[in-house]
C-alpha atoms as a PDB file:
ATOM      1  CA  MET A   1       0.248   0.015   0.176  1.00  0.00           C
ATOM      2  CA  ARG A   2       1.112   3.505  -1.083  1.00  0.00           C
ATOM      3  CA  ARG A   3       1.910   6.302   1.838  1.00  0.00           C
ATOM      4  CA  GLY A   4      -1.287   8.361   0.002  1.00  0.00           C
ATOM      5  CA  GLU A   5      -3.226   5.566   0.980  1.00  0.00           C
ATOM      6  CA  LEU A   6      -2.471   5.277   4.591  1.00  0.00           C
ATOM      7  CA  VAL A   7      -4.246   8.529   5.850  1.00  0.00           C
ATOM      8  CA  PHE A   8      -8.128   7.967   6.981  1.00  0.00           C
ATOM      9  CA  GLN A   9      -8.609   4.296   7.461  1.00  0.00           C
ATOM     10  CA  GLU A  10     -11.424   3.026   9.486  1.00  0.00           C
ATOM     11  CA  ASP A  11      -9.185   0.416  11.153  1.00  0.00           C
ATOM     12  CA  ARG A  12      -7.117   3.415  12.292  1.00  0.00           C
ATOM     13  CA  GLY A  13     -10.206   5.387  13.569  1.00  0.00           C
ATOM     14  CA  ALA A  14     -11.597   7.416  10.682  1.00  0.00           C
ATOM     15  CA  ARG A  15     -15.143   7.594  10.829  1.00  0.00           C
ATOM     16  CA  PRO A  16     -16.737   6.204   7.149  1.00  0.00           C
ATOM     17  CA  ASP A  17     -19.516   9.169   7.024  1.00  0.00           C
ATOM     18  CA  ALA A  18     -16.880  11.803   8.339  1.00  0.00           C
ATOM     19  CA  THR A  19     -15.811  14.680   6.072  1.00  0.00           C
ATOM     20  CA  ARG A  20     -12.281  14.318   5.776  1.00  0.00           C
ATOM     21  CA  VAL A  21     -10.112  17.636   6.016  1.00  0.00           C
ATOM     22  CA  LEU A  22      -5.922  17.644   5.599  1.00  0.00           C
ATOM     23  CA  ILE A  23      -3.953  20.785   6.089  1.00  0.00           C
ATOM     24  CA  VAL A  24      -0.378  21.220   4.797  1.00  0.00           C
ATOM     25  CA  ILE A  25       1.912  23.305   6.166  1.00  0.00           C
ATOM     26  CA  THR A  26       5.079  23.723   4.353  1.00  0.00           C
ATOM     27  CA  ASP A  27       7.973  26.160   4.341  1.00  0.00           C
ATOM     28  CA  GLY A  28       9.417  25.448   0.657  1.00  0.00           C
ATOM     29  CA  GLU A  29       9.585  23.683  -2.652  1.00  0.00           C
ATOM     30  CA  SER A  30       9.455  20.079  -1.791  1.00  0.00           C
ATOM     31  CA  ASN A  31      12.611  18.289  -2.027  1.00  0.00           C
ATOM     32  CA  ASP A  32      10.759  14.811  -1.623  1.00  0.00           C
ATOM     33  CA  ARG A  33      10.999  13.520  -4.622  1.00  0.00           C
ATOM     34  CA  ARG A  34       9.887   9.580  -3.547  1.00  0.00           C
ATOM     35  CA  VAL A  35       5.907  10.294  -3.999  1.00  0.00           C
ATOM     36  CA  THR A  36       5.369  13.082  -6.688  1.00  0.00           C
ATOM     37  CA  PHE A  37       2.404  15.372  -6.083  1.00  0.00           C
ATOM     38  CA  GLU A  38       0.419  13.971  -8.685  1.00  0.00           C
ATOM     39  CA  GLU A  39       0.386  10.567  -6.907  1.00  0.00           C
ATOM     40  CA  ALA A  40      -0.634  12.117  -3.579  1.00  0.00           C
ATOM     41  CA  ILE A  41      -3.134  14.279  -4.906  1.00  0.00           C
ATOM     42  CA  ALA A  42      -4.401  11.216  -6.749  1.00  0.00           C
ATOM     43  CA  ALA A  43      -4.836   9.301  -3.679  1.00  0.00           C
ATOM     44  CA  ALA A  44      -6.459  12.458  -1.786  1.00  0.00           C
ATOM     45  CA  GLU A  45      -9.064  12.591  -4.128  1.00  0.00           C
ATOM     46  CA  ARG A  46      -9.847   9.080  -4.046  1.00  0.00           C
ATOM     47  CA  LYS A  47     -10.858   9.626  -0.796  1.00  0.00           C
ATOM     48  CA  ASP A  48     -12.800  12.845  -0.914  1.00  0.00           C
ATOM     49  CA  ILE A  49     -10.212  14.472   1.333  1.00  0.00           C
ATOM     50  CA  LEU A  50     -10.634  18.171   1.525  1.00  0.00           C
ATOM     51  CA  ARG A  51      -7.153  19.309   1.260  1.00  0.00           C
ATOM     52  CA  TYR A  52      -5.917  23.041   2.724  1.00  0.00           C
ATOM     53  CA  ALA A  53      -2.410  24.246   1.611  1.00  0.00           C
ATOM     54  CA  ILE A  54      -0.602  27.134   3.798  1.00  0.00           C
ATOM     55  CA  GLY A  55       2.690  28.341   2.749  1.00  0.00           C
ATOM     56  CA  VAL A  56       4.736  29.827   5.254  1.00  0.00           C
ATOM     57  CA  GLY A  57       7.628  32.350   5.007  1.00  0.00           C
ATOM     58  CA  ASP A  58       9.035  33.997   2.016  1.00  0.00           C
ATOM     59  CA  ALA A  59       9.813  31.207  -0.103  1.00  0.00           C
ATOM     60  CA  PHE A  60       6.127  31.425  -1.847  1.00  0.00           C
ATOM     61  CA  ASP A  61       6.955  34.582  -3.282  1.00  0.00           C
ATOM     62  CA  THR A  62       8.182  32.373  -5.974  1.00  0.00           C
ATOM     63  CA  GLU A  63       5.853  31.557  -8.909  1.00  0.00           C
ATOM     64  CA  LEU A  64       6.693  27.526  -8.510  1.00  0.00           C
ATOM     65  CA  ALA A  65       6.457  27.576  -4.839  1.00  0.00           C
ATOM     66  CA  THR A  66       2.669  29.375  -5.556  1.00  0.00           C
ATOM     67  CA  LYS A  67       1.830  26.616  -7.969  1.00  0.00           C
ATOM     68  CA  GLU A  68       2.616  24.019  -5.413  1.00  0.00           C
ATOM     69  CA  LEU A  69       0.482  25.170  -3.238  1.00  0.00           C
ATOM     70  CA  GLU A  70      -2.023  25.150  -6.163  1.00  0.00           C
ATOM     71  CA  VAL A  71      -1.744  21.530  -6.603  1.00  0.00           C
ATOM     72  CA  ILE A  72      -1.939  20.912  -3.195  1.00  0.00           C
ATOM     73  CA  ALA A  73      -5.121  22.768  -1.887  1.00  0.00           C
ATOM     74  CA  SER A  74      -8.468  21.320  -3.290  1.00  0.00           C
ATOM     75  CA  LYS A  75     -10.061  23.376  -5.474  1.00  0.00           C
ATOM     76  CA  PRO A  76     -11.028  26.350  -5.928  1.00  0.00           C
ATOM     77  CA  SER A  77      -7.528  26.749  -4.556  1.00  0.00           C
ATOM     78  CA  SER A  78      -7.848  30.363  -3.650  1.00  0.00           C
ATOM     79  CA  ASP A  79     -10.571  28.727  -1.139  1.00  0.00           C
ATOM     80  CA  PHE A  80      -8.265  26.515   0.152  1.00  0.00           C
ATOM     81  CA  ILE A  81      -4.523  28.575   0.039  1.00  0.00           C
ATOM     82  CA  PHE A  82      -3.026  30.396   2.992  1.00  0.00           C
ATOM     83  CA  LYS A  83       0.092  32.248   2.918  1.00  0.00           C
ATOM     84  CA  VAL A  84       1.665  33.271   6.368  1.00  0.00           C
ATOM     85  CA  GLY A  85       4.976  35.157   7.021  1.00  0.00           C
ATOM     86  CA  ALA A  86       6.174  33.507   9.412  1.00  0.00           C
ATOM     87  CA  PHE A  87       5.589  30.020  11.679  1.00  0.00           C
ATOM     88  CA  THR A  88       3.794  32.931  14.330  1.00  0.00           C
ATOM     89  CA  GLY A  89       1.386  33.739  12.047  1.00  0.00           C
ATOM     90  CA  LEU A  90      -0.297  30.389  12.052  1.00  0.00           C
ATOM     91  CA  SER A  91      -1.724  31.504  15.339  1.00  0.00           C
ATOM     92  CA  GLY A  92      -3.874  34.115  13.405  1.00  0.00           C
ATOM     93  CA  LEU A  93      -5.273  31.615  10.616  1.00  0.00           C
ATOM     94  CA  GLN A  94      -6.411  29.297  13.781  1.00  0.00           C
ATOM     95  CA  LYS A  95      -9.846  30.918  13.951  1.00  0.00           C
ATOM     96  CA  LYS A  96     -10.116  31.443   9.993  1.00  0.00           C
ATOM     97  CA  LEU A  97      -9.435  27.715   9.108  1.00  0.00           C
ATOM     98  CA  LYS A  98     -11.721  26.785  11.889  1.00  0.00           C
ATOM     99  CA  GLN A  99     -14.685  28.498  10.701  1.00  0.00           C
ATOM    100  CA  LYS A 100     -13.943  27.241   7.348  1.00  0.00           C
ATOM    101  CA  ILE A 101     -13.858  23.403   8.680  1.00  0.00           C
ATOM    102  CA  PHE A 102     -16.860  23.946  10.377  1.00  0.00           C
ATOM    103  CA  ALA A 103     -18.787  25.589   7.715  1.00  0.00           C
ATOM    104  CA  ILE A 104     -17.839  21.987   5.752  1.00  0.00           C
ATOM    105  CA  GLU A 105     -19.624  19.856   8.790  1.00  0.00           C
END
């Protein structure tokens, strides 16, 4: 079984009727080439996982890093992407994310 298939499994506590939400926090372009974004996203889509992508730091001023966030995030990506200047900025996103996630349920 591939890594992307190991999340949100019932035998690991996932409820079959629950909305699945994944929050990815990254501080730059991926260096992990073992699993491509396409493979990971395809696995998430097969399981109907909503994906939020949060870019931390100035790395997301580049077009390539911004495109990676767009690939990671569910569509429309503008609703599922956030950027903060530093990790301390994550606490400011907490309320906004909480509202979005609770609205899904």
